């Protein structure tokens, strides 16, 4: 995993701890610990996603994890947009949600190209 992270230009913040695409890979442990940086503090990724790194090639596992993450965020945005349009109809908020949706769609497409 270390060689693959180096090849992908992941940032080594301390020895054997890499940041790559919103994930922290701690190679000081066996098996490597994988955490998400989406929160104020690192949070371990779910076991179902952790299993991907054991069963699939590294790039494919990263791609699958990121696509799942962005798909979830897009689903939450859809609910917020529907609520805003049907109840409050604030055009500034709707515009902000549209731009956020576009941002996550681009991130999703980018995650598909990791493979």
PDB file of N, CA and C in Angstrom:
ATOM      1  N   UNK A   1       0.826  -1.182   0.000  1.00  0.00           N
ATOM      2  CA  UNK A   1       0.000   0.000   0.000  1.00  0.00           C
ATOM      3  C   UNK A   1       0.877   1.253   0.000  1.00  0.00           C
ATOM      4  N   UNK A   2       1.985   1.192   0.688  1.00  0.00           N
ATOM      5  CA  UNK A   2       2.880   2.347   0.760  1.00  0.00           C
ATOM      6  C   UNK A   2       3.363   2.761  -0.628  1.00  0.00           C
ATOM      7  N   UNK A   3       3.765   1.792  -1.441  1.00  0.00           N
ATOM      8  CA  UNK A   3       4.254   2.094  -2.783  1.00  0.00           C
ATOM      9  C   UNK A   3       3.162   2.709  -3.641  1.00  0.00           C
ATOM     10  N   UNK A   4       1.942   2.186  -3.521  1.00  0.00           N
ATOM     11  CA  UNK A   4       0.827   2.723  -4.296  1.00  0.00           C
ATOM     12  C   UNK A   4       0.520   4.169  -3.890  1.00  0.00           C
ATOM     13  N   UNK A   5       0.555   4.451  -2.590  1.00  0.00           N
ATOM     14  CA  UNK A   5       0.327   5.819  -2.111  1.00  0.00           C
ATOM     15  C   UNK A   5       1.410   6.767  -2.622  1.00  0.00           C
ATOM     16  N   UNK A   6       2.654   6.322  -2.617  1.00  0.00           N
ATOM     17  CA  UNK A   6       3.755   7.142  -3.136  1.00  0.00           C
ATOM     18  C   UNK A   6       3.561   7.415  -4.628  1.00  0.00           C
ATOM     19  N   UNK A   7       3.149   6.379  -5.372  1.00  0.00           N
ATOM     20  CA  UNK A   7       2.933   6.512  -6.810  1.00  0.00           C
ATOM     21  C   UNK A   7       1.808   7.502  -7.125  1.00  0.00           C
ATOM     22  N   UNK A   8       0.808   7.565  -6.233  1.00  0.00           N
ATOM     23  CA  UNK A   8      -0.328   8.466  -6.431  1.00  0.00           C
ATOM     24  C   UNK A   8      -0.079   9.863  -5.856  1.00  0.00           C
ATOM     25  N   UNK A   9       1.134  10.122  -5.408  1.00  0.00           N
ATOM     26  CA  UNK A   9       1.521  11.429  -4.843  1.00  0.00           C
ATOM     27  C   UNK A   9       0.731  11.789  -3.593  1.00  0.00           C
ATOM     28  N   UNK A  10       0.476  10.804  -2.751  1.00  0.00           N
ATOM     29  CA  UNK A  10      -0.173  11.072  -1.473  1.00  0.00           C
ATOM     30  C   UNK A  10       0.804  11.838  -0.587  1.00  0.00           C
ATOM     31  N   UNK A  11       0.271  12.657   0.309  1.00  0.00           N
ATOM     32  CA  UNK A  11       1.100  13.473   1.178  1.00  0.00           C
ATOM     33  C   UNK A  11       1.440  12.682   2.435  1.00  0.00           C
ATOM     34  N   UNK A  12       2.723  12.546   2.741  1.00  0.00           N
ATOM     35  CA  UNK A  12       3.160  11.861   3.952  1.00  0.00           C
ATOM     36  C   UNK A  12       3.296  12.915   5.048  1.00  0.00           C
ATOM     37  N   UNK A  13       2.310  12.957   5.962  1.00  0.00           N
ATOM     38  CA  UNK A  13       2.298  14.001   6.983  1.00  0.00           C
ATOM     39  C   UNK A  13       3.258  13.698   8.126  1.00  0.00           C
ATOM     40  N   UNK A  14       3.352  12.469   8.516  1.00  0.00           N
ATOM     41  CA  UNK A  14       4.360  11.981   9.457  1.00  0.00           C
ATOM     42  C   UNK A  14       4.816  10.641   8.905  1.00  0.00           C
ATOM     43  N   UNK A  15       5.917  10.100   9.383  1.00  0.00           N
ATOM     44  CA  UNK A  15       6.370   8.825   8.819  1.00  0.00           C
ATOM     45  C   UNK A  15       5.268   7.754   8.875  1.00  0.00           C
ATOM     46  N   UNK A  16       5.028   7.143   7.734  1.00  0.00           N
ATOM     47  CA  UNK A  16       4.057   6.061   7.568  1.00  0.00           C
ATOM     48  C   UNK A  16       2.602   6.482   7.769  1.00  0.00           C
ATOM     49  N   UNK A  17       2.295   7.753   7.648  1.00  0.00           N
ATOM     50  CA  UNK A  17       0.900   8.225   7.679  1.00  0.00           C
ATOM     51  C   UNK A  17       0.701   9.142   6.479  1.00  0.00           C
ATOM     52  N   UNK A  18      -0.214   8.729   5.602  1.00  0.00           N
ATOM     53  CA  UNK A  18      -0.432   9.423   4.340  1.00  0.00           C
ATOM     54  C   UNK A  18      -1.849   9.988   4.266  1.00  0.00           C
ATOM     55  N   UNK A  19      -1.975  11.134   3.595  1.00  0.00           N
ATOM     56  CA  UNK A  19      -3.279  11.711   3.277  1.00  0.00           C
ATOM     57  C   UNK A  19      -3.476  11.603   1.774  1.00  0.00           C
ATOM     58  N   UNK A  20      -4.630  11.073   1.387  1.00  0.00           N
ATOM     59  CA  UNK A  20      -4.940  10.939  -0.030  1.00  0.00           C
ATOM     60  C   UNK A  20      -6.447  11.009  -0.219  1.00  0.00           C
ATOM     61  N   UNK A  21      -6.894  12.006  -0.960  1.00  0.00           N
ATOM     62  CA  UNK A  21      -8.305  12.165  -1.330  1.00  0.00           C
ATOM     63  C   UNK A  21      -9.261  12.077  -0.142  1.00  0.00           C
ATOM     64  N   UNK A  22      -8.951  12.786   0.911  1.00  0.00           N
ATOM     65  CA  UNK A  22      -9.846  12.841   2.059  1.00  0.00           C
ATOM     66  C   UNK A  22      -9.776  11.633   2.969  1.00  0.00           C
ATOM     67  N   UNK A  23      -8.731  10.837   2.820  1.00  0.00           N
ATOM     68  CA  UNK A  23      -8.542   9.667   3.681  1.00  0.00           C
ATOM     69  C   UNK A  23      -7.138   9.705   4.269  1.00  0.00           C
ATOM     70  N   UNK A  24      -7.035   9.210   5.480  1.00  0.00           N
ATOM     71  CA  UNK A  24      -5.744   9.104   6.143  1.00  0.00           C
ATOM     72  C   UNK A  24      -5.406   7.623   6.259  1.00  0.00           C
ATOM     73  N   UNK A  25      -4.260   7.243   5.755  1.00  0.00           N
ATOM     74  CA  UNK A  25      -3.789   5.861   5.810  1.00  0.00           C
ATOM     75  C   UNK A  25      -2.644   5.794   6.808  1.00  0.00           C
ATOM     76  N   UNK A  26      -2.877   5.105   7.915  1.00  0.00           N
ATOM     77  CA  UNK A  26      -1.847   4.956   8.944  1.00  0.00           C
ATOM     78  C   UNK A  26      -1.232   3.574   8.777  1.00  0.00           C
ATOM     79  N   UNK A  27      -0.019   3.525   8.247  1.00  0.00           N
ATOM     80  CA  UNK A  27       0.651   2.267   7.956  1.00  0.00           C
ATOM     81  C   UNK A  27       1.485   1.763   9.125  1.00  0.00           C
ATOM     82  N   UNK A  28       1.410   2.438  10.284  1.00  0.00           N
ATOM     83  CA  UNK A  28       2.138   1.992  11.461  1.00  0.00           C
ATOM     84  C   UNK A  28       1.472   0.791  12.119  1.00  0.00           C
ATOM     85  N   UNK A  29       0.272   0.461  11.688  1.00  0.00           N
ATOM     86  CA  UNK A  29      -0.477  -0.650  12.271  1.00  0.00           C
ATOM     87  C   UNK A  29      -0.666  -1.743  11.231  1.00  0.00           C
ATOM     88  N   UNK A  30      -0.885  -2.940  11.712  1.00  0.00           N
ATOM     89  CA  UNK A  30      -1.136  -4.068  10.815  1.00  0.00           C
ATOM     90  C   UNK A  30      -2.477  -4.668  11.167  1.00  0.00           C
ATOM     91  N   UNK A  31      -3.494  -4.640  10.341  1.00  0.00           N
ATOM     92  CA  UNK A  31      -3.507  -4.025   9.013  1.00  0.00           C
ATOM     93  C   UNK A  31      -3.558  -2.506   9.116  1.00  0.00           C
ATOM     94  N   UNK A  32      -3.280  -1.853   8.015  1.00  0.00           N
ATOM     95  CA  UNK A  32      -3.250  -0.382   7.998  1.00  0.00           C
ATOM     96  C   UNK A  32      -4.599   0.179   8.431  1.00  0.00           C
ATOM     97  N   UNK A  33      -4.556   1.256   9.212  1.00  0.00           N
ATOM     98  CA  UNK A  33      -5.787   1.923   9.633  1.00  0.00           C
ATOM     99  C   UNK A  33      -6.152   2.965   8.585  1.00  0.00           C
ATOM    100  N   UNK A  34      -7.435   3.010   8.233  1.00  0.00           N
ATOM    101  CA  UNK A  34      -7.914   3.950   7.226  1.00  0.00           C
ATOM    102  C   UNK A  34      -8.987   4.806   7.874  1.00  0.00           C
ATOM    103  N   UNK A  35      -8.764   6.130   7.824  1.00  0.00           N
ATOM    104  CA  UNK A  35      -9.691   7.065   8.461  1.00  0.00           C
ATOM    105  C   UNK A  35     -10.148   8.113   7.460  1.00  0.00           C
ATOM    106  N   UNK A  36     -11.319   8.652   7.717  1.00  0.00           N
ATOM    107  CA  UNK A  36     -11.870   9.719   6.884  1.00  0.00           C
ATOM    108  C   UNK A  36     -11.517  11.061   7.501  1.00  0.00           C
ATOM    109  N   UNK A  37     -11.253  12.039   6.651  1.00  0.00           N
ATOM    110  CA  UNK A  37     -10.940  13.386   7.137  1.00  0.00           C
ATOM    111  C   UNK A  37     -12.121  14.333   6.950  1.00  0.00           C
ATOM    112  N   UNK A  38     -13.315  13.789   6.746  1.00  0.00           N
ATOM    113  CA  UNK A  38     -14.511  14.620   6.524  1.00  0.00           C
ATOM    114  C   UNK A  38     -14.983  15.324   7.782  1.00  0.00           C
ATOM    115  N   UNK A  39     -14.521  14.905   8.903  1.00  0.00           N
ATOM    116  CA  UNK A  39     -15.014  15.424  10.169  1.00  0.00           C
ATOM    117  C   UNK A  39     -13.921  16.245  10.841  1.00  0.00           C
ATOM    118  N   UNK A  40     -14.259  16.866  11.951  1.00  0.00           N
ATOM    119  CA  UNK A  40     -13.287  17.683  12.671  1.00  0.00           C
ATOM    120  C   UNK A  40     -12.107  16.827  13.143  1.00  0.00           C
ATOM    121  N   UNK A  41     -12.397  15.588  13.520  1.00  0.00           N
ATOM    122  CA  UNK A  41     -11.368  14.635  13.922  1.00  0.00           C
ATOM    123  C   UNK A  41     -11.429  13.451  12.975  1.00  0.00           C
ATOM    124  N   UNK A  42     -10.308  12.760  12.806  1.00  0.00           N
ATOM    125  CA  UNK A  42     -10.307  11.568  11.953  1.00  0.00           C
ATOM    126  C   UNK A  42     -11.300  10.563  12.500  1.00  0.00           C
ATOM    127  N   UNK A  43     -12.004   9.898  11.583  1.00  0.00           N
ATOM    128  CA  UNK A  43     -12.990   8.906  11.965  1.00  0.00           C
ATOM    129  C   UNK A  43     -12.740   7.668  11.108  1.00  0.00           C
ATOM    130  N   UNK A  44     -12.682   6.496  11.739  1.00  0.00           N
ATOM    131  CA  UNK A  44     -12.447   5.267  10.992  1.00  0.00           C
ATOM    132  C   UNK A  44     -13.564   5.044   9.989  1.00  0.00           C
ATOM    133  N   UNK A  45     -13.197   4.569   8.794  1.00  0.00           N
ATOM    134  CA  UNK A  45     -14.225   4.295   7.800  1.00  0.00           C
ATOM    135  C   UNK A  45     -14.969   3.029   8.211  1.00  0.00           C
ATOM    136  N   UNK A  46     -16.170   2.863   7.668  1.00  0.00           N
ATOM    137  CA  UNK A  46     -17.000   1.715   8.016  1.00  0.00           C
ATOM    138  C   UNK A  46     -16.314   0.415   7.611  1.00  0.00           C
ATOM    139  N   UNK A  47     -16.658  -0.630   8.327  1.00  0.00           N
ATOM    140  CA  UNK A  47     -16.038  -1.939   8.087  1.00  0.00           C
ATOM    141  C   UNK A  47     -16.279  -2.429   6.657  1.00  0.00           C
ATOM    142  N   UNK A  48     -17.458  -2.137   6.112  1.00  0.00           N
ATOM    143  CA  UNK A  48     -17.761  -2.573   4.746  1.00  0.00           C
ATOM    144  C   UNK A  48     -16.822  -1.916   3.735  1.00  0.00           C
ATOM    145  N   UNK A  49     -16.454  -0.666   3.992  1.00  0.00           N
ATOM    146  CA  UNK A  49     -15.499   0.000   3.112  1.00  0.00           C
ATOM    147  C   UNK A  49     -14.079  -0.468   3.400  1.00  0.00           C
ATOM    148  N   UNK A  50     -13.788  -0.762   4.650  1.00  0.00           N
ATOM    149  CA  UNK A  50     -12.455  -1.262   5.009  1.00  0.00           C
ATOM    150  C   UNK A  50     -12.177  -2.581   4.310  1.00  0.00           C
ATOM    151  N   UNK A  51     -13.219  -3.395   4.196  1.00  0.00           N
ATOM    152  CA  UNK A  51     -13.068  -4.701   3.545  1.00  0.00           C
ATOM    153  C   UNK A  51     -12.712  -4.552   2.061  1.00  0.00           C
ATOM    154  N   UNK A  52     -13.121  -3.449   1.449  1.00  0.00           N
ATOM    155  CA  UNK A  52     -12.780  -3.216   0.040  1.00  0.00           C
ATOM    156  C   UNK A  52     -11.268  -3.183  -0.169  1.00  0.00           C
ATOM    157  N   UNK A  53     -10.561  -2.602   0.783  1.00  0.00           N
ATOM    158  CA  UNK A  53      -9.103  -2.467   0.646  1.00  0.00           C
ATOM    159  C   UNK A  53      -8.392  -3.815   0.807  1.00  0.00           C
ATOM    160  N   UNK A  54      -9.093  -4.780   1.399  1.00  0.00           N
ATOM    161  CA  UNK A  54      -8.520  -6.119   1.532  1.00  0.00           C
ATOM    162  C   UNK A  54      -8.830  -6.996   0.330  1.00  0.00           C
ATOM    163  N   UNK A  55      -9.943  -6.698  -0.367  1.00  0.00           N
ATOM    164  CA  UNK A  55     -10.396  -7.589  -1.437  1.00  0.00           C
ATOM    165  C   UNK A  55     -10.149  -7.049  -2.841  1.00  0.00           C
ATOM    166  N   UNK A  56     -10.114  -5.738  -3.005  1.00  0.00           N
ATOM    167  CA  UNK A  56      -9.968  -5.149  -4.337  1.00  0.00           C
ATOM    168  C   UNK A  56      -8.607  -4.469  -4.472  1.00  0.00           C
ATOM    169  N   UNK A  57      -8.192  -4.203  -5.704  1.00  0.00           N
ATOM    170  CA  UNK A  57      -6.973  -3.408  -5.892  1.00  0.00           C
ATOM    171  C   UNK A  57      -7.139  -2.031  -5.253  1.00  0.00           C
ATOM    172  N   UNK A  58      -6.037  -1.433  -4.855  1.00  0.00           N
ATOM    173  CA  UNK A  58      -6.067  -0.186  -4.086  1.00  0.00           C
ATOM    174  C   UNK A  58      -6.867   0.913  -4.777  1.00  0.00           C
ATOM    175  N   UNK A  59      -6.564   1.191  -6.038  1.00  0.00           N
ATOM    176  CA  UNK A  59      -7.252   2.281  -6.745  1.00  0.00           C
ATOM    177  C   UNK A  59      -8.753   2.025  -6.850  1.00  0.00           C
ATOM    178  N   UNK A  60      -9.132   0.799  -7.107  1.00  0.00           N
ATOM    179  CA  UNK A  60     -10.548   0.459  -7.215  1.00  0.00           C
ATOM    180  C   UNK A  60     -11.253   0.621  -5.867  1.00  0.00           C
ATOM    181  N   UNK A  61     -10.577   0.253  -4.781  1.00  0.00           N
ATOM    182  CA  UNK A  61     -11.156   0.409  -3.444  1.00  0.00           C
ATOM    183  C   UNK A  61     -11.351   1.889  -3.105  1.00  0.00           C
ATOM    184  N   UNK A  62     -10.355   2.717  -3.428  1.00  0.00           N
ATOM    185  CA  UNK A  62     -10.469   4.160  -3.185  1.00  0.00           C
ATOM    186  C   UNK A  62     -11.621   4.728  -4.004  1.00  0.00           C
ATOM    187  N   UNK A  63     -11.706   4.340  -5.268  1.00  0.00           N
ATOM    188  CA  UNK A  63     -12.762   4.817  -6.147  1.00  0.00           C
ATOM    189  C   UNK A  63     -14.144   4.430  -5.617  1.00  0.00           C
ATOM    190  N   UNK A  64     -14.306   3.194  -5.195  1.00  0.00           N
ATOM    191  CA  UNK A  64     -15.595   2.730  -4.673  1.00  0.00           C
ATOM    192  C   UNK A  64     -15.963   3.473  -3.406  1.00  0.00           C
ATOM    193  N   UNK A  65     -15.004   3.652  -2.506  1.00  0.00           N
ATOM    194  CA  UNK A  65     -15.283   4.375  -1.262  1.00  0.00           C
ATOM    195  C   UNK A  65     -15.723   5.814  -1.556  1.00  0.00           C
ATOM    196  N   UNK A  66     -14.985   6.498  -2.418  1.00  0.00           N
ATOM    197  CA  UNK A  66     -15.308   7.896  -2.715  1.00  0.00           C
ATOM    198  C   UNK A  66     -16.652   8.025  -3.433  1.00  0.00           C
ATOM    199  N   UNK A  67     -16.933   7.111  -4.367  1.00  0.00           N
ATOM    200  CA  UNK A  67     -18.219   7.176  -5.067  1.00  0.00           C
ATOM    201  C   UNK A  67     -19.374   6.969  -4.091  1.00  0.00           C
ATOM    202  N   UNK A  68     -19.237   6.037  -3.161  1.00  0.00           N
ATOM    203  CA  UNK A  68     -20.276   5.827  -2.146  1.00  0.00           C
ATOM    204  C   UNK A  68     -20.455   7.072  -1.283  1.00  0.00           C
ATOM    205  N   UNK A  69     -19.339   7.687  -0.909  1.00  0.00           N
ATOM    206  CA  UNK A  69     -19.382   8.887  -0.069  1.00  0.00           C
ATOM    207  C   UNK A  69     -20.098  10.035  -0.787  1.00  0.00           C
ATOM    208  N   UNK A  70     -19.747  10.258  -2.044  1.00  0.00           N
ATOM    209  CA  UNK A  70     -20.360  11.366  -2.781  1.00  0.00           C
ATOM    210  C   UNK A  70     -21.812  11.065  -3.150  1.00  0.00           C
ATOM    211  N   UNK A  71     -22.126   9.804  -3.388  1.00  0.00           N
ATOM    212  CA  UNK A  71     -23.512   9.437  -3.673  1.00  0.00           C
ATOM    213  C   UNK A  71     -24.392   9.728  -2.458  1.00  0.00           C
ATOM    214  N   UNK A  72     -23.873   9.454  -1.278  1.00  0.00           N
ATOM    215  CA  UNK A  72     -24.615   9.739  -0.048  1.00  0.00           C
ATOM    216  C   UNK A  72     -24.823  11.245   0.112  1.00  0.00           C
ATOM    217  N   UNK A  73     -23.772  12.025  -0.144  1.00  0.00           N
ATOM    218  CA  UNK A  73     -23.889  13.484  -0.023  1.00  0.00           C
ATOM    219  C   UNK A  73     -24.868  14.049  -1.050  1.00  0.00           C
ATOM    220  N   UNK A  74     -24.866  13.499  -2.257  1.00  0.00           N
ATOM    221  CA  UNK A  74     -25.812  13.948  -3.278  1.00  0.00           C
ATOM    222  C   UNK A  74     -27.250  13.613  -2.881  1.00  0.00           C
ATOM    223  N   UNK A  75     -27.454  12.472  -2.250  1.00  0.00           N
ATOM    224  CA  UNK A  75     -28.786  12.103  -1.770  1.00  0.00           C
ATOM    225  C   UNK A  75     -29.288  13.066  -0.710  1.00  0.00           C
ATOM    226  N   UNK A  76     -28.406  13.450   0.213  1.00  0.00           N
ATOM    227  CA  UNK A  76     -28.792  14.419   1.242  1.00  0.00           C
ATOM    228  C   UNK A  76     -29.094  15.788   0.633  1.00  0.00           C
ATOM    229  N   UNK A  77     -28.306  16.181  -0.364  1.00  0.00           N
ATOM    230  CA  UNK A  77     -28.552  17.455  -1.041  1.00  0.00           C
ATOM    231  C   UNK A  77     -29.895  17.440  -1.767  1.00  0.00           C
ATOM    232  N   UNK A  78     -30.238  16.310  -2.368  1.00  0.00           N
ATOM    233  CA  UNK A  78     -31.518  16.198  -3.070  1.00  0.00           C
ATOM    234  C   UNK A  78     -32.680  16.424  -2.106  1.00  0.00           C
ATOM    235  N   UNK A  79     -32.582  15.837  -0.917  1.00  0.00           N
ATOM    236  CA  UNK A  79     -33.633  16.013   0.095  1.00  0.00           C
ATOM    237  C   UNK A  79     -33.725  17.480   0.510  1.00  0.00           C
ATOM    238  N   UNK A  80     -32.579  18.122   0.731  1.00  0.00           N
ATOM    239  CA  UNK A  80     -32.570  19.535   1.122  1.00  0.00           C
ATOM    240  C   UNK A  80     -33.153  20.416   0.022  1.00  0.00           C
ATOM    241  N   UNK A  81     -32.790  20.114  -1.227  1.00  0.00           N
ATOM    242  CA  UNK A  81     -33.305  20.910  -2.343  1.00  0.00           C
ATOM    243  C   UNK A  81     -34.817  20.753  -2.475  1.00  0.00           C
ATOM    244  N   UNK A  82     -35.291  19.531  -2.364  1.00  0.00           N
ATOM    245  CA  UNK A  82     -36.727  19.272  -2.468  1.00  0.00           C
ATOM    246  C   UNK A  82     -37.480  20.017  -1.370  1.00  0.00           C
ATOM    247  N   UNK A  83     -36.945  19.980  -0.162  1.00  0.00           N
ATOM    248  CA  UNK A  83     -37.557  20.672   0.962  1.00  0.00           C
ATOM    249  C   UNK A  83     -37.573  22.186   0.726  1.00  0.00           C
ATOM    250  N   UNK A  84     -36.473  22.703   0.230  1.00  0.00           N
ATOM    251  CA  UNK A  84     -36.365  24.150  -0.006  1.00  0.00           C
ATOM    252  C   UNK A  84     -37.334  24.608  -1.094  1.00  0.00           C
ATOM    253  N   UNK A  85     -37.426  23.847  -2.174  1.00  0.00           N
ATOM    254  CA  UNK A  85     -38.303  24.226  -3.278  1.00  0.00           C
ATOM    255  C   UNK A  85     -39.773  24.124  -2.865  1.00  0.00           C
ATOM    256  N   UNK A  86     -40.130  23.077  -2.144  1.00  0.00           N
ATOM    257  CA  UNK A  86     -41.532  22.842  -1.797  1.00  0.00           C
ATOM    258  C   UNK A  86     -42.033  23.668  -0.623  1.00  0.00           C
ATOM    259  N   UNK A  87     -41.166  24.046   0.288  1.00  0.00           N
ATOM    260  CA  UNK A  87     -41.625  24.726   1.506  1.00  0.00           C
ATOM    261  C   UNK A  87     -41.197  26.179   1.583  1.00  0.00           C
ATOM    262  N   UNK A  88     -39.903  26.443   1.501  1.00  0.00           N
ATOM    263  CA  UNK A  88     -39.394  27.781   1.789  1.00  0.00           C
ATOM    264  C   UNK A  88     -39.223  28.625   0.533  1.00  0.00           C
ATOM    265  N   UNK A  89     -38.744  27.998  -0.533  1.00  0.00           N
ATOM    266  CA  UNK A  89     -38.555  28.652  -1.830  1.00  0.00           C
ATOM    267  C   UNK A  89     -37.651  29.886  -1.751  1.00  0.00           C
ATOM    268  N   UNK A  90     -36.568  29.783  -1.010  1.00  0.00           N
ATOM    269  CA  UNK A  90     -35.572  30.849  -0.925  1.00  0.00           C
ATOM    270  C   UNK A  90     -34.591  30.658  -2.085  1.00  0.00           C
ATOM    271  N   UNK A  91     -34.581  31.598  -3.017  1.00  0.00           N
ATOM    272  CA  UNK A  91     -33.783  31.451  -4.236  1.00  0.00           C
ATOM    273  C   UNK A  91     -32.283  31.442  -3.971  1.00  0.00           C
ATOM    274  N   UNK A  92     -31.827  32.161  -2.965  1.00  0.00           N
ATOM    275  CA  UNK A  92     -30.396  32.153  -2.635  1.00  0.00           C
ATOM    276  C   UNK A  92     -29.962  30.779  -2.137  1.00  0.00           C
ATOM    277  N   UNK A  93     -30.762  30.167  -1.309  1.00  0.00           N
ATOM    278  CA  UNK A  93     -30.438  28.829  -0.792  1.00  0.00           C
ATOM    279  C   UNK A  93     -30.493  27.811  -1.918  1.00  0.00           C
ATOM    280  N   UNK A  94     -31.491  27.915  -2.778  1.00  0.00           N
ATOM    281  CA  UNK A  94     -31.604  26.990  -3.912  1.00  0.00           C
ATOM    282  C   UNK A  94     -30.384  27.107  -4.816  1.00  0.00           C
ATOM    283  N   UNK A  95     -29.951  28.327  -5.077  1.00  0.00           N
ATOM    284  CA  UNK A  95     -28.759  28.547  -5.900  1.00  0.00           C
ATOM    285  C   UNK A  95     -27.518  27.937  -5.251  1.00  0.00           C
ATOM    286  N   UNK A  96     -27.385  28.119  -3.939  1.00  0.00           N
ATOM    287  CA  UNK A  96     -26.254  27.545  -3.215  1.00  0.00           C
ATOM    288  C   UNK A  96     -26.290  26.013  -3.294  1.00  0.00           C
ATOM    289  N   UNK A  97     -27.458  25.418  -3.097  1.00  0.00           N
ATOM    290  CA  UNK A  97     -27.587  23.963  -3.149  1.00  0.00           C
ATOM    291  C   UNK A  97     -27.275  23.430  -4.550  1.00  0.00           C
ATOM    292  N   UNK A  98     -27.670  24.167  -5.583  1.00  0.00           N
ATOM    293  CA  UNK A  98     -27.362  23.755  -6.960  1.00  0.00           C
ATOM    294  C   UNK A  98     -25.860  23.757  -7.206  1.00  0.00           C
ATOM    295  N   UNK A  99     -25.182  24.802  -6.734  1.00  0.00           N
ATOM    296  CA  UNK A  99     -23.729  24.861  -6.944  1.00  0.00           C
ATOM    297  C   UNK A  99     -23.029  23.767  -6.135  1.00  0.00           C
ATOM    298  N   UNK A 100     -23.529  23.476  -4.946  1.00  0.00           N
ATOM    299  CA  UNK A 100     -22.958  22.391  -4.136  1.00  0.00           C
ATOM    300  C   UNK A 100     -23.172  21.051  -4.825  1.00  0.00           C
ATOM    301  N   UNK A 101     -24.361  20.870  -5.402  1.00  0.00           N
ATOM    302  CA  UNK A 101     -24.653  19.628  -6.130  1.00  0.00           C
ATOM    303  C   UNK A 101     -23.694  19.473  -7.306  1.00  0.00           C
ATOM    304  N   UNK A 102     -23.470  20.538  -8.045  1.00  0.00           N
ATOM    305  CA  UNK A 102     -22.544  20.488  -9.179  1.00  0.00           C
ATOM    306  C   UNK A 102     -21.133  20.112  -8.710  1.00  0.00           C
ATOM    307  N   UNK A 103     -20.724  20.680  -7.568  1.00  0.00           N
ATOM    308  CA  UNK A 103     -19.414  20.369  -6.996  1.00  0.00           C
ATOM    309  C   UNK A 103     -19.286  18.870  -6.704  1.00  0.00           C
ATOM    310  N   UNK A 104     -20.307  18.284  -6.058  1.00  0.00           N
ATOM    311  CA  UNK A 104     -20.236  16.867  -5.708  1.00  0.00           C
ATOM    312  C   UNK A 104     -20.389  15.958  -6.923  1.00  0.00           C
ATOM    313  N   UNK A 105     -21.120  16.393  -7.935  1.00  0.00           N
ATOM    314  CA  UNK A 105     -21.196  15.603  -9.172  1.00  0.00           C
ATOM    315  C   UNK A 105     -19.820  15.544  -9.821  1.00  0.00           C
ATOM    316  N   UNK A 106     -19.111  16.663  -9.835  1.00  0.00           N
ATOM    317  CA  UNK A 106     -17.754  16.681 -10.385  1.00  0.00           C
ATOM    318  C   UNK A 106     -16.814  15.802  -9.570  1.00  0.00           C
ATOM    319  N   UNK A 107     -16.953  15.840  -8.244  1.00  0.00           N
ATOM    320  CA  UNK A 107     -16.134  14.979  -7.383  1.00  0.00           C
ATOM    321  C   UNK A 107     -16.431  13.502  -7.669  1.00  0.00           C
ATOM    322  N   UNK A 108     -17.711  13.177  -7.866  1.00  0.00           N
ATOM    323  CA  UNK A 108     -18.116  11.805  -8.166  1.00  0.00           C
ATOM    324  C   UNK A 108     -17.494  11.343  -9.485  1.00  0.00           C
ATOM    325  N   UNK A 109     -17.563  12.197 -10.501  1.00  0.00           N
ATOM    326  CA  UNK A 109     -16.958  11.860 -11.791  1.00  0.00           C
ATOM    327  C   UNK A 109     -15.450  11.675 -11.664  1.00  0.00           C
ATOM    328  N   UNK A 110     -14.827  12.529 -10.864  1.00  0.00           N
ATOM    329  CA  UNK A 110     -13.391  12.431 -10.640  1.00  0.00           C
ATOM    330  C   UNK A 110     -13.040  11.107  -9.935  1.00  0.00           C
ATOM    331  N   UNK A 111     -13.892  10.685  -9.008  1.00  0.00           N
ATOM    332  CA  UNK A 111     -13.653   9.434  -8.288  1.00  0.00           C
ATOM    333  C   UNK A 111     -13.770   8.235  -9.228  1.00  0.00           C
ATOM    334  N   UNK A 112     -14.614   8.343 -10.241  1.00  0.00           N
ATOM    335  CA  UNK A 112     -14.733   7.251 -11.216  1.00  0.00           C
ATOM    336  C   UNK A 112     -13.464   7.107 -12.031  1.00  0.00           C
ATOM    337  N   UNK A 113     -12.719   8.186 -12.203  1.00  0.00           N
ATOM    338  CA  UNK A 113     -11.516   8.164 -13.056  1.00  0.00           C
ATOM    339  C   UNK A 113     -10.261   7.715 -12.314  1.00  0.00           C
ATOM    340  N   UNK A 114     -10.375   7.361 -11.053  1.00  0.00           N
ATOM    341  CA  UNK A 114      -9.193   6.927 -10.298  1.00  0.00           C
ATOM    342  C   UNK A 114      -8.694   5.582 -10.807  1.00  0.00           C
ATOM    343  N   UNK A 115      -9.617   4.726 -11.180  1.00  0.00           N
ATOM    344  CA  UNK A 115      -9.255   3.350 -11.595  1.00  0.00           C
ATOM    345  C   UNK A 115      -8.233   3.318 -12.626  1.00  0.00           C
TER     346      UNK A 115
END
